[in-house]
Structures are given as C-alpha cells and as structure tokens.
C-alpha atoms as a PDB file:
ATOM      1  CA  MET A   1      26.978   9.615 124.515  1.00  0.00           C
ATOM      2  CA  SER A   2      27.407   7.260 121.587  1.00  0.00           C
ATOM      3  CA  LYS A   3      29.178   8.356 118.483  1.00  0.00           C
ATOM      4  CA  ALA A   4      27.178   8.890 115.320  1.00  0.00           C
ATOM      5  CA  ALA A   5      27.647   6.288 112.639  1.00  0.00           C
ATOM      6  CA  PRO A   6      29.891   7.430 109.795  1.00  0.00           C
ATOM      7  CA  LEU A   7      28.046   8.563 106.729  1.00  0.00           C
ATOM      8  CA  ILE A   8      28.257   6.167 103.813  1.00  0.00           C
ATOM      9  CA  PRO A   9      29.076   7.946 100.534  1.00  0.00           C
ATOM     10  CA  PRO A  10      26.050   7.731  98.271  1.00  0.00           C
ATOM     11  CA  ARG A  11      26.248   5.863  95.007  1.00  0.00           C
ATOM     12  CA  PRO A  12      26.163   7.811  91.756  1.00  0.00           C
ATOM     13  CA  ALA A  13      22.803   9.526  91.526  1.00  0.00           C
ATOM     14  CA  HIS A  14      20.535   8.328  88.721  1.00  0.00           C
ATOM     15  CA  ASP A  15      19.543  11.877  87.858  1.00  0.00           C
ATOM     16  CA  VAL A  16      23.154  12.858  87.015  1.00  0.00           C
ATOM     17  CA  PRO A  17      23.806  12.143  83.328  1.00  0.00           C
ATOM     18  CA  TRP A  18      26.635   9.686  82.866  1.00  0.00           C
ATOM     19  CA  LYS A  19      28.125  11.823  80.086  1.00  0.00           C
ATOM     20  CA  MET A  20      28.582  14.715  82.544  1.00  0.00           C
ATOM     21  CA  ARG A  21      30.320  12.408  85.019  1.00  0.00           C
ATOM     22  CA  HIS A  22      32.592  11.040  82.315  1.00  0.00           C
ATOM     23  CA  SER A  23      33.444  14.545  81.158  1.00  0.00           C
ATOM     24  CA  GLY A  24      34.340  15.555  84.708  1.00  0.00           C
ATOM     25  CA  VAL A  25      36.468  12.452  85.200  1.00  0.00           C
ATOM     26  CA  LEU A  26      38.368  13.101  81.977  1.00  0.00           C
ATOM     27  CA  ALA A  27      38.964  16.745  82.906  1.00  0.00           C
ATOM     28  CA  MET A  28      40.416  15.820  86.317  1.00  0.00           C
ATOM     29  CA  CYS A  29      42.551  13.081  84.775  1.00  0.00           C
ATOM     30  CA  ALA A  30      43.938  15.467  82.171  1.00  0.00           C
ATOM     31  CA  ARG A  31      44.869  18.052  84.824  1.00  0.00           C
ATOM     32  CA  GLY A  32      46.447  15.588  87.291  1.00  0.00           C
ATOM     33  CA  CYS A  33      48.186  13.038  85.052  1.00  0.00           C
ATOM     34  CA  ASP A  34      51.914  13.126  84.377  1.00  0.00           C
ATOM     35  CA  LYS A  35      53.564  13.798  81.013  1.00  0.00           C
ATOM     36  CA  HIS A  36      53.080  10.169  80.016  1.00  0.00           C
ATOM     37  CA  GLY A  37      49.345  10.217  80.799  1.00  0.00           C
ATOM     38  CA  ARG A  38      49.600   8.036  83.911  1.00  0.00           C
ATOM     39  CA  LEU A  39      47.366   8.489  86.958  1.00  0.00           C
ATOM     40  CA  ASN A  40      48.577   8.315  90.560  1.00  0.00           C
ATOM     41  CA  LYS A  41      46.699   6.814  93.481  1.00  0.00           C
ATOM     42  CA  ALA A  42      45.920  10.147  95.118  1.00  0.00           C
ATOM     43  CA  LEU A  43      44.269  11.427  91.944  1.00  0.00           C
ATOM     44  CA  LEU A  44      42.260   8.242  91.535  1.00  0.00           C
ATOM     45  CA  GLN A  45      41.086   8.450  95.126  1.00  0.00           C
ATOM     46  CA  ALA A  46      40.019  12.084  94.699  1.00  0.00           C
ATOM     47  CA  ILE A  47      38.072  11.281  91.532  1.00  0.00           C
ATOM     48  CA  CYS A  48      36.347   8.297  93.170  1.00  0.00           C
ATOM     49  CA  GLU A  49      35.300  10.410  96.157  1.00  0.00           C
ATOM     50  CA  LYS A  50      34.006  13.271  94.024  1.00  0.00           C
ATOM     51  CA  TYR A  51      32.059  11.192  91.490  1.00  0.00           C
ATOM     52  CA  ASN A  52      31.147   8.317  93.838  1.00  0.00           C
ATOM     53  CA  TYR A  53      32.993   5.511  92.079  1.00  0.00           C
ATOM     54  CA  LYS A  54      33.605   2.382  94.139  1.00  0.00           C
ATOM     55  CA  ARG A  55      36.668   1.117  92.268  1.00  0.00           C
ATOM     56  CA  PRO A  56      39.608   3.121  90.896  1.00  0.00           C
ATOM     57  CA  GLN A  57      39.679   0.609  88.066  1.00  0.00           C
ATOM     58  CA  SER A  58      36.469   2.172  86.694  1.00  0.00           C
ATOM     59  CA  VAL A  59      38.233   5.527  86.404  1.00  0.00           C
ATOM     60  CA  ARG A  60      41.248   3.877  84.763  1.00  0.00           C
ATOM     61  CA  GLU A  61      38.997   2.222  82.169  1.00  0.00           C
ATOM     62  CA  ILE A  62      37.352   5.543  81.277  1.00  0.00           C
ATOM     63  CA  TRP A  63      40.737   7.271  81.019  1.00  0.00           C
ATOM     64  CA  ARG A  64      42.264   4.454  78.944  1.00  0.00           C
ATOM     65  CA  LYS A  65      39.345   4.562  76.500  1.00  0.00           C
ATOM     66  CA  TYR A  66      39.357   8.322  75.862  1.00  0.00           C
ATOM     67  CA  LYS A  67      42.920   9.342  76.812  1.00  0.00           C
ATOM     68  CA  ASP A  68      44.444   9.614  73.339  1.00  0.00           C
ATOM     69  CA  ALA A  69      41.501  11.477  71.826  1.00  0.00           C
ATOM     70  CA  PHE A  70      41.195  13.773  74.861  1.00  0.00           C
ATOM     71  CA  LEU A  71      44.873  14.769  75.003  1.00  0.00           C
ATOM     72  CA  SER A  72      45.213  15.221  71.230  1.00  0.00           C
ATOM     73  CA  GLY A  73      42.406  17.773  71.152  1.00  0.00           C
ATOM     74  CA  ASP A  74      41.024  16.404  67.876  1.00  0.00           C
ATOM     75  CA  GLY A  75      37.567  16.041  69.380  1.00  0.00           C
ATOM     76  CA  PHE A  76      35.724  12.896  70.352  1.00  0.00           C
ATOM     77  CA  ARG A  77      32.298  11.658  71.312  1.00  0.00           C
ATOM     78  CA  ILE A  78      31.500   9.885  74.569  1.00  0.00           C
ATOM     79  CA  ASN A  79      29.504   6.850  73.580  1.00  0.00           C
ATOM     80  CA  ARG A  80      28.346   3.886  75.636  1.00  0.00           C
ATOM     81  CA  SER A  81      26.964   1.794  72.771  1.00  0.00           C
ATOM     82  CA  GLY A  82      28.479  -1.664  72.577  1.00  0.00           C
ATOM     83  CA  THR A  83      29.666  -1.650  76.192  1.00  0.00           C
ATOM     84  CA  SER A  84      26.486  -2.859  77.871  1.00  0.00           C
ATOM     85  CA  GLY A  85      23.659  -5.269  77.252  1.00  0.00           C
ATOM     86  CA  ARG A  86      23.590  -8.787  75.925  1.00  0.00           C
ATOM     87  CA  LYS A  87      25.707  -9.504  72.893  1.00  0.00           C
ATOM     88  CA  HIS A  88      23.846 -10.263  69.697  1.00  0.00           C
ATOM     89  CA  LYS A  89      23.908 -13.919  68.741  1.00  0.00           C
ATOM     90  CA  TYR A  90      23.724 -13.238  64.993  1.00  0.00           C
ATOM     91  CA  THR A  91      25.766 -10.638  63.205  1.00  0.00           C
ATOM     92  CA  ALA A  92      24.287  -8.530  60.446  1.00  0.00           C
ATOM     93  CA  ASP A  93      26.290 -10.372  57.766  1.00  0.00           C
ATOM     94  CA  GLY A  94      25.337 -13.791  59.142  1.00  0.00           C
ATOM     95  CA  LEU A  95      21.670 -12.838  59.302  1.00  0.00           C
ATOM     96  CA  VAL A  96      21.683 -11.549  55.730  1.00  0.00           C
ATOM     97  CA  GLN A  97      23.358 -14.696  54.444  1.00  0.00           C
ATOM     98  CA  ALA A  98      20.969 -17.019  56.320  1.00  0.00           C
ATOM     99  CA  ILE A  99      17.892 -15.209  55.004  1.00  0.00           C
ATOM    100  CA  ARG A 100      19.275 -14.909  51.494  1.00  0.00           C
ATOM    101  CA  ASN A 101      19.579 -18.692  51.281  1.00  0.00           C
ATOM    102  CA  VAL A 102      15.842 -19.117  51.991  1.00  0.00           C
ATOM    103  CA  PRO A 103      13.675 -19.113  48.835  1.00  0.00           C
ATOM    104  CA  LEU A 104      11.309 -16.176  48.497  1.00  0.00           C
ATOM    105  CA  VAL A 105       8.254 -18.433  48.577  1.00  0.00           C
ATOM    106  CA  LYS A 106       9.305 -19.552  52.079  1.00  0.00           C
ATOM    107  CA  ARG A 107       9.460 -15.992  53.430  1.00  0.00           C
ATOM    108  CA  ARG A 108       5.757 -15.194  53.522  1.00  0.00           C
ATOM    109  CA  THR A 109       5.527 -15.394  57.325  1.00  0.00           C
ATOM    110  CA  LEU A 110       8.019 -15.037  60.151  1.00  0.00           C
ATOM    111  CA  ARG A 111       7.156 -18.548  61.273  1.00  0.00           C
ATOM    112  CA  SER A 112       8.129 -20.012  57.904  1.00  0.00           C
ATOM    113  CA  LEU A 113      11.241 -17.843  57.659  1.00  0.00           C
ATOM    114  CA  SER A 114      12.271 -18.827  61.184  1.00  0.00           C
ATOM    115  CA  TYR A 115      11.941 -22.536  60.386  1.00  0.00           C
ATOM    116  CA  HIS A 116      13.876 -22.496  57.107  1.00  0.00           C
ATOM    117  CA  ALA A 117      16.579 -20.042  58.239  1.00  0.00           C
ATOM    118  CA  ASN A 118      16.995 -21.772  61.619  1.00  0.00           C
ATOM    119  CA  ILE A 119      16.643 -18.445  63.439  1.00  0.00           C
ATOM    120  CA  PRO A 120      14.237 -17.955  66.395  1.00  0.00           C
ATOM    121  CA  ARG A 121      11.137 -15.979  65.566  1.00  0.00           C
ATOM    122  CA  SER A 122      11.764 -13.601  68.486  1.00  0.00           C
ATOM    123  CA  THR A 123      15.171 -12.813  66.997  1.00  0.00           C
ATOM    124  CA  LEU A 124      13.560 -12.018  63.661  1.00  0.00           C
ATOM    125  CA  HIS A 125      11.124  -9.687  65.447  1.00  0.00           C
ATOM    126  CA  ASN A 126      14.031  -7.839  67.065  1.00  0.00           C
ATOM    127  CA  TYR A 127      15.926  -7.500  63.795  1.00  0.00           C
ATOM    128  CA  LEU A 128      12.733  -6.343  62.085  1.00  0.00           C
ATOM    129  CA  ARG A 129      12.360  -3.602  64.687  1.00  0.00           C
ATOM    130  CA  ARG A 130      16.002  -2.588  64.247  1.00  0.00           C
ATOM    131  CA  GLY A 131      15.563  -2.230  60.488  1.00  0.00           C
ATOM    132  CA  LEU A 132      17.654  -5.199  59.361  1.00  0.00           C
ATOM    133  CA  LEU A 133      14.477  -6.736  57.936  1.00  0.00           C
ATOM    134  CA  LYS A 134      11.565  -5.101  56.183  1.00  0.00           C
ATOM    135  CA  ARG A 135       8.063  -6.096  55.161  1.00  0.00           C
ATOM    136  CA  ALA A 136       7.124  -5.974  51.502  1.00  0.00           C
ATOM    137  CA  THR A 137       3.683  -6.430  49.983  1.00  0.00           C
ATOM    138  CA  SER A 138       3.058  -7.968  46.577  1.00  0.00           C
ATOM    139  CA  SER A 139      -0.309  -7.332  44.929  1.00  0.00           C
ATOM    140  CA  ILE A 140      -1.441  -9.053  41.763  1.00  0.00           C
ATOM    141  CA  LYS A 141      -1.657  -6.662  38.840  1.00  0.00           C
ATOM    142  CA  PRO A 142      -3.640  -7.102  35.637  1.00  0.00           C
ATOM    143  CA  ALA A 143      -1.668  -8.586  32.770  1.00  0.00           C
ATOM    144  CA  LEU A 144      -2.180  -5.833  30.205  1.00  0.00           C
ATOM    145  CA  LYS A 145      -1.537  -6.430  26.557  1.00  0.00           C
ATOM    146  CA  GLN A 146      -0.278  -3.751  24.227  1.00  0.00           C
ATOM    147  CA  ALA A 147      -3.820  -3.040  22.984  1.00  0.00           C
ATOM    148  CA  ASN A 148      -5.035  -2.552  26.580  1.00  0.00           C
ATOM    149  CA  ILE A 149      -2.210  -0.152  27.339  1.00  0.00           C
ATOM    150  CA  GLN A 150      -2.942   1.832  24.188  1.00  0.00           C
ATOM    151  CA  ARG A 151      -6.653   2.116  25.070  1.00  0.00           C
ATOM    152  CA  ARG A 152      -5.825   3.407  28.529  1.00  0.00           C
ATOM    153  CA  LEU A 153      -3.391   5.898  27.063  1.00  0.00           C
ATOM    154  CA  ASN A 154      -5.964   7.129  24.564  1.00  0.00           C
ATOM    155  CA  TYR A 155      -8.534   7.544  27.354  1.00  0.00           C
ATOM    156  CA  CYS A 156      -6.113   9.673  29.370  1.00  0.00           C
ATOM    157  CA  ARG A 157      -5.239  11.780  26.335  1.00  0.00           C
ATOM    158  CA  ALA A 158      -8.940  12.403  25.692  1.00  0.00           C
ATOM    159  CA  LYS A 159      -9.186  14.083  29.102  1.00  0.00           C
ATOM    160  CA  VAL A 160      -6.499  16.655  28.287  1.00  0.00           C
ATOM    161  CA  GLU A 161      -7.743  20.079  27.234  1.00  0.00           C
ATOM    162  CA  ALA A 162      -6.232  22.314  24.563  1.00  0.00           C
ATOM    163  CA  ASP A 163      -4.317  24.310  27.176  1.00  0.00           C
ATOM    164  CA  GLY A 164      -2.556  21.160  28.405  1.00  0.00           C
ATOM    165  CA  ASN A 165      -4.519  20.787  31.654  1.00  0.00           C
ATOM    166  CA  PHE A 166      -6.687  17.823  32.562  1.00  0.00           C
ATOM    167  CA  ASN A 167     -10.448  18.097  32.324  1.00  0.00           C
ATOM    168  CA  ASP A 168     -12.114  18.791  35.691  1.00  0.00           C
ATOM    169  CA  LEU A 169     -14.734  16.063  34.946  1.00  0.00           C
ATOM    170  CA  MET A 170     -17.572  18.342  36.046  1.00  0.00           C
ATOM    171  CA  TYR A 171     -19.700  17.248  33.063  1.00  0.00           C
ATOM    172  CA  ASP A 172     -18.986  13.501  33.300  1.00  0.00           C
ATOM    173  CA  VAL A 173     -21.491  11.053  34.767  1.00  0.00           C
ATOM    174  CA  HIS A 174     -20.379   7.572  35.774  1.00  0.00           C
ATOM    175  CA  VAL A 175     -22.913   4.760  35.492  1.00  0.00           C
ATOM    176  CA  ASP A 176     -22.258   1.371  37.044  1.00  0.00           C
ATOM    177  CA  GLU A 177     -24.077  -1.522  38.703  1.00  0.00           C
ATOM    178  CA  LYS A 178     -23.729  -2.730  42.255  1.00  0.00           C
ATOM    179  CA  TRP A 179     -24.696  -6.104  43.709  1.00  0.00           C
ATOM    180  CA  PHE A 180     -25.965  -6.567  47.259  1.00  0.00           C
ATOM    181  CA  PHE A 181     -26.732  -9.761  49.127  1.00  0.00           C
ATOM    182  CA  VAL A 182     -30.320 -10.033  50.292  1.00  0.00           C
ATOM    183  CA  GLN A 183     -29.075 -11.428  53.597  1.00  0.00           C
ATOM    184  CA  GLN A 184     -25.719 -12.098  55.217  1.00  0.00           C
ATOM    185  CA  ILE A 185     -24.430 -15.467  56.353  1.00  0.00           C
ATOM    186  CA  ASP A 186     -24.030 -14.236  59.935  1.00  0.00           C
ATOM    187  CA  GLU A 187     -26.214 -11.482  61.341  1.00  0.00           C
ATOM    188  CA  LYS A 188     -26.205  -9.999  64.826  1.00  0.00           C
ATOM    189  CA  TYR A 189     -29.262  -8.854  66.781  1.00  0.00           C
ATOM    190  CA  TYR A 190     -29.710  -7.246  70.179  1.00  0.00           C
ATOM    191  CA  LEU A 191     -32.572  -8.689  72.219  1.00  0.00           C
ATOM    192  CA  LEU A 192     -34.030  -8.024  75.617  1.00  0.00           C
ATOM    193  CA  PRO A 193     -33.595 -10.695  78.306  1.00  0.00           C
ATOM    194  CA  ASP A 194     -37.288 -11.631  78.180  1.00  0.00           C
ATOM    195  CA  GLU A 195     -37.531 -11.773  74.372  1.00  0.00           C
ATOM    196  CA  ASP A 196     -37.884 -15.153  72.696  1.00  0.00           C
ATOM    197  CA  VAL A 197     -37.446 -14.618  68.962  1.00  0.00           C
ATOM    198  CA  ASP A 198     -36.948 -17.316  66.388  1.00  0.00           C
ATOM    199  CA  LEU A 199     -33.668 -16.471  64.658  1.00  0.00           C
ATOM    200  CA  TYR A 200     -33.585 -19.521  62.420  1.00  0.00           C
ATOM    201  CA  ARG A 201     -32.786 -18.713  58.782  1.00  0.00           C
ATOM    202  CA  SER A 202     -32.100 -21.115  55.928  1.00  0.00           C
ATOM    203  CA  CYS A 203     -31.168 -21.222  52.269  1.00  0.00           C
ATOM    204  CA  LYS A 204     -30.197 -23.896  49.763  1.00  0.00           C
ATOM    205  CA  HIS A 205     -26.488 -23.187  50.071  1.00  0.00           C
ATOM    206  CA  LYS A 206     -24.426 -20.485  51.734  1.00  0.00           C
ATOM    207  CA  SER A 207     -22.491 -19.934  48.521  1.00  0.00           C
ATOM    208  CA  HIS A 208     -25.697 -19.175  46.575  1.00  0.00           C
ATOM    209  CA  ILE A 209     -27.399 -16.434  48.561  1.00  0.00           C
ATOM    210  CA  GLU A 210     -29.796 -14.338  46.541  1.00  0.00           C
ATOM    211  CA  LYS A 211     -28.545 -10.962  45.422  1.00  0.00           C
ATOM    212  CA  VAL A 212     -30.152  -7.824  44.078  1.00  0.00           C
ATOM    213  CA  MET A 213     -28.578  -5.475  41.557  1.00  0.00           C
ATOM    214  CA  PHE A 214     -28.713  -1.687  41.698  1.00  0.00           C
ATOM    215  CA  GLY A 215     -27.874   0.711  38.928  1.00  0.00           C
ATOM    216  CA  ALA A 216     -26.056   3.854  40.126  1.00  0.00           C
ATOM    217  CA  ALA A 217     -25.240   7.143  38.418  1.00  0.00           C
ATOM    218  CA  VAL A 218     -22.790   9.480  40.125  1.00  0.00           C
ATOM    219  CA  ALA A 219     -20.844  12.593  39.224  1.00  0.00           C
ATOM    220  CA  ARG A 220     -18.167  14.706  40.834  1.00  0.00           C
ATOM    221  CA  PRO A 221     -19.333  16.463  44.045  1.00  0.00           C
ATOM    222  CA  ARG A 222     -19.547  20.226  43.804  1.00  0.00           C
ATOM    223  CA  THR A 223     -20.809  23.367  45.501  1.00  0.00           C
ATOM    224  CA  ASN A 224     -23.458  25.651  44.058  1.00  0.00           C
ATOM    225  CA  PRO A 225     -21.730  29.049  43.668  1.00  0.00           C
ATOM    226  CA  LEU A 226     -25.037  30.915  44.046  1.00  0.00           C
ATOM    227  CA  THR A 227     -26.546  29.225  47.104  1.00  0.00           C
ATOM    228  CA  GLY A 228     -23.432  27.646  48.617  1.00  0.00           C
ATOM    229  CA  GLU A 229     -25.235  24.297  48.859  1.00  0.00           C
ATOM    230  CA  VAL A 230     -22.999  21.230  48.661  1.00  0.00           C
ATOM    231  CA  TRP A 231     -24.062  18.433  46.339  1.00  0.00           C
ATOM    232  CA  ASP A 232     -22.639  14.973  47.049  1.00  0.00           C
ATOM    233  CA  GLY A 233     -22.661  13.851  43.414  1.00  0.00           C
ATOM    234  CA  LYS A 234     -25.297  11.116  43.778  1.00  0.00           C
ATOM    235  CA  ILE A 235     -27.734  11.240  40.855  1.00  0.00           C
ATOM    236  CA  HIS A 236     -29.717   8.025  40.900  1.00  0.00           C
ATOM    237  CA  LEU A 237     -29.790   4.587  42.509  1.00  0.00           C
ATOM    238  CA  HIS A 238     -32.364   2.202  41.087  1.00  0.00           C
ATOM    239  CA  PRO A 239     -32.872  -1.514  41.927  1.00  0.00           C
ATOM    240  CA  PHE A 240     -33.366  -3.957  39.052  1.00  0.00           C
ATOM    241  CA  ILE A 241     -36.215  -5.988  40.562  1.00  0.00           C
ATOM    242  CA  GLU A 242     -39.728  -7.063  39.719  1.00  0.00           C
ATOM    243  CA  TYR A 243     -42.591  -6.548  42.123  1.00  0.00           C
ATOM    244  CA  GLU A 244     -45.077  -9.440  42.204  1.00  0.00           C
ATOM    245  CA  TYR A 245     -47.982 -10.279  44.427  1.00  0.00           C
ATOM    246  CA  ALA A 246     -47.447 -13.129  46.831  1.00  0.00           C
ATOM    247  CA  GLN A 247     -49.004 -16.343  45.537  1.00  0.00           C
ATOM    248  CA  ARG A 248     -51.022 -18.670  47.681  1.00  0.00           C
ATOM    249  CA  SER A 249     -49.618 -22.111  48.201  1.00  0.00           C
ATOM    250  CA  SER A 250     -53.076 -23.728  47.828  1.00  0.00           C
END
C-alpha cells in the first residue's frame, strides 16, 4: 500500500483580511519576543505555519515596521498604502510646478496641457481622478455699466413688498417673441423599404433659412383653489405672419 502524499500547506486565503493576519502576527511576536524585542527561529516557524507565510523574513518585516508602536502601547494603524503598486513618476510638487509654468490659455484641453507641460495625457487623467487637478468652467458674462447695475437693482427693489418679502409674481404677465426656423438644415425621416420619396430640399443659402416669429404671453403656473385644476401659465402664442393666396406663375 503506497503512502499518501504529504499535504501541502495552503497559501494565505484571499478571504482572510490581511489586517487580521497582521494583528495576529504582531500579537504572537509580542508574546514570544525577548526583552529586546528580538524573535527566535522557533517563534518565526510557528507564526509561518499558523498564518501560512512562506518566508520568515516576511514576519520579520511586519514586526520591524510595527514593533516600536506595538510595544509602546501608544496606538497605531496598520496601513499598506505606499508599500505596493507602481511608484508614481511625478510627485505632487513636481506636477504642480510643471502645470503652473504653462500659461492659462494653453490649459483648455488635456491634450494641450500634456504637450506644453511635457506630461503624458494618461498621467494627467490619473491625477485628475485623484484630485490633484480640477476642471473649471469660464462663461462670458455681460459687461455691465454702473447704470445697468442700478437699473437691475431698482427692478429687484420694486418687487419687494411692504412687509419685506418678495412679490409672488402672480399678477405679472411676461410678453416676449420667439423665432423658429421654417425648416432645419438636416431632417430625419423614417420610410418603408418600398417607399421612394423625393427628399431633395433647397434654399439660397444654409445661413439664411426663413424664420417665423411668434409672440408669447406667459404667467406663473398656479392651481385653482376651488376646482383644483392646474394651469400651466400659457396665455397666448400668436404667429406674426401674413396669409396670402398662392399666385400662378403664368
């Protein structure tokens, strides 16, 4: 009868949190070390067998990193950040200095910023995700003169009631005009496979498409307290056009 093959100790299970394993390793090291904090071979072998470490050097590295804080009892935090993964090519200070030297007009796109700062665009994407860069939007504002500002201020003051609250605008009607193109430059249609429709359209110039103007009057939407009916605030929409009979060409 042949002998059974010796069981191979399993590697550290992925479902065991590494912080729990580190805590257990530190506890065993603290109980078995001498007064100078040194570990013997028997203790290292026992820890490797219990927590499935291949090399005693791994246990020594954990103990050397947290020994002083663990024995002092001041409290510490087991952290793995900075011990794994690829090292960053650019430091935060170097990245800030490289971007600061690029004029603001050259920072409108990541492609332009990458070219002038000599930093790969993928690196800028990573630093943007990490929060070392941020997107900012600049919108053009009207250049108001002092008279314009005063008129706006007077309009806002006119909407304030005697009790200090703003008017609810329930009795205000806003009248304005709206322009619509008679036809769009590109229009989409859905046809059947057997349909043969002439979709040719023409005009003198695509920048001079005919438009029609509508006059609109709207107010604030409200609910009738008696009937509960909701009114959307639309009062009137009237096109400014002239109706004429089609003229014969001959």
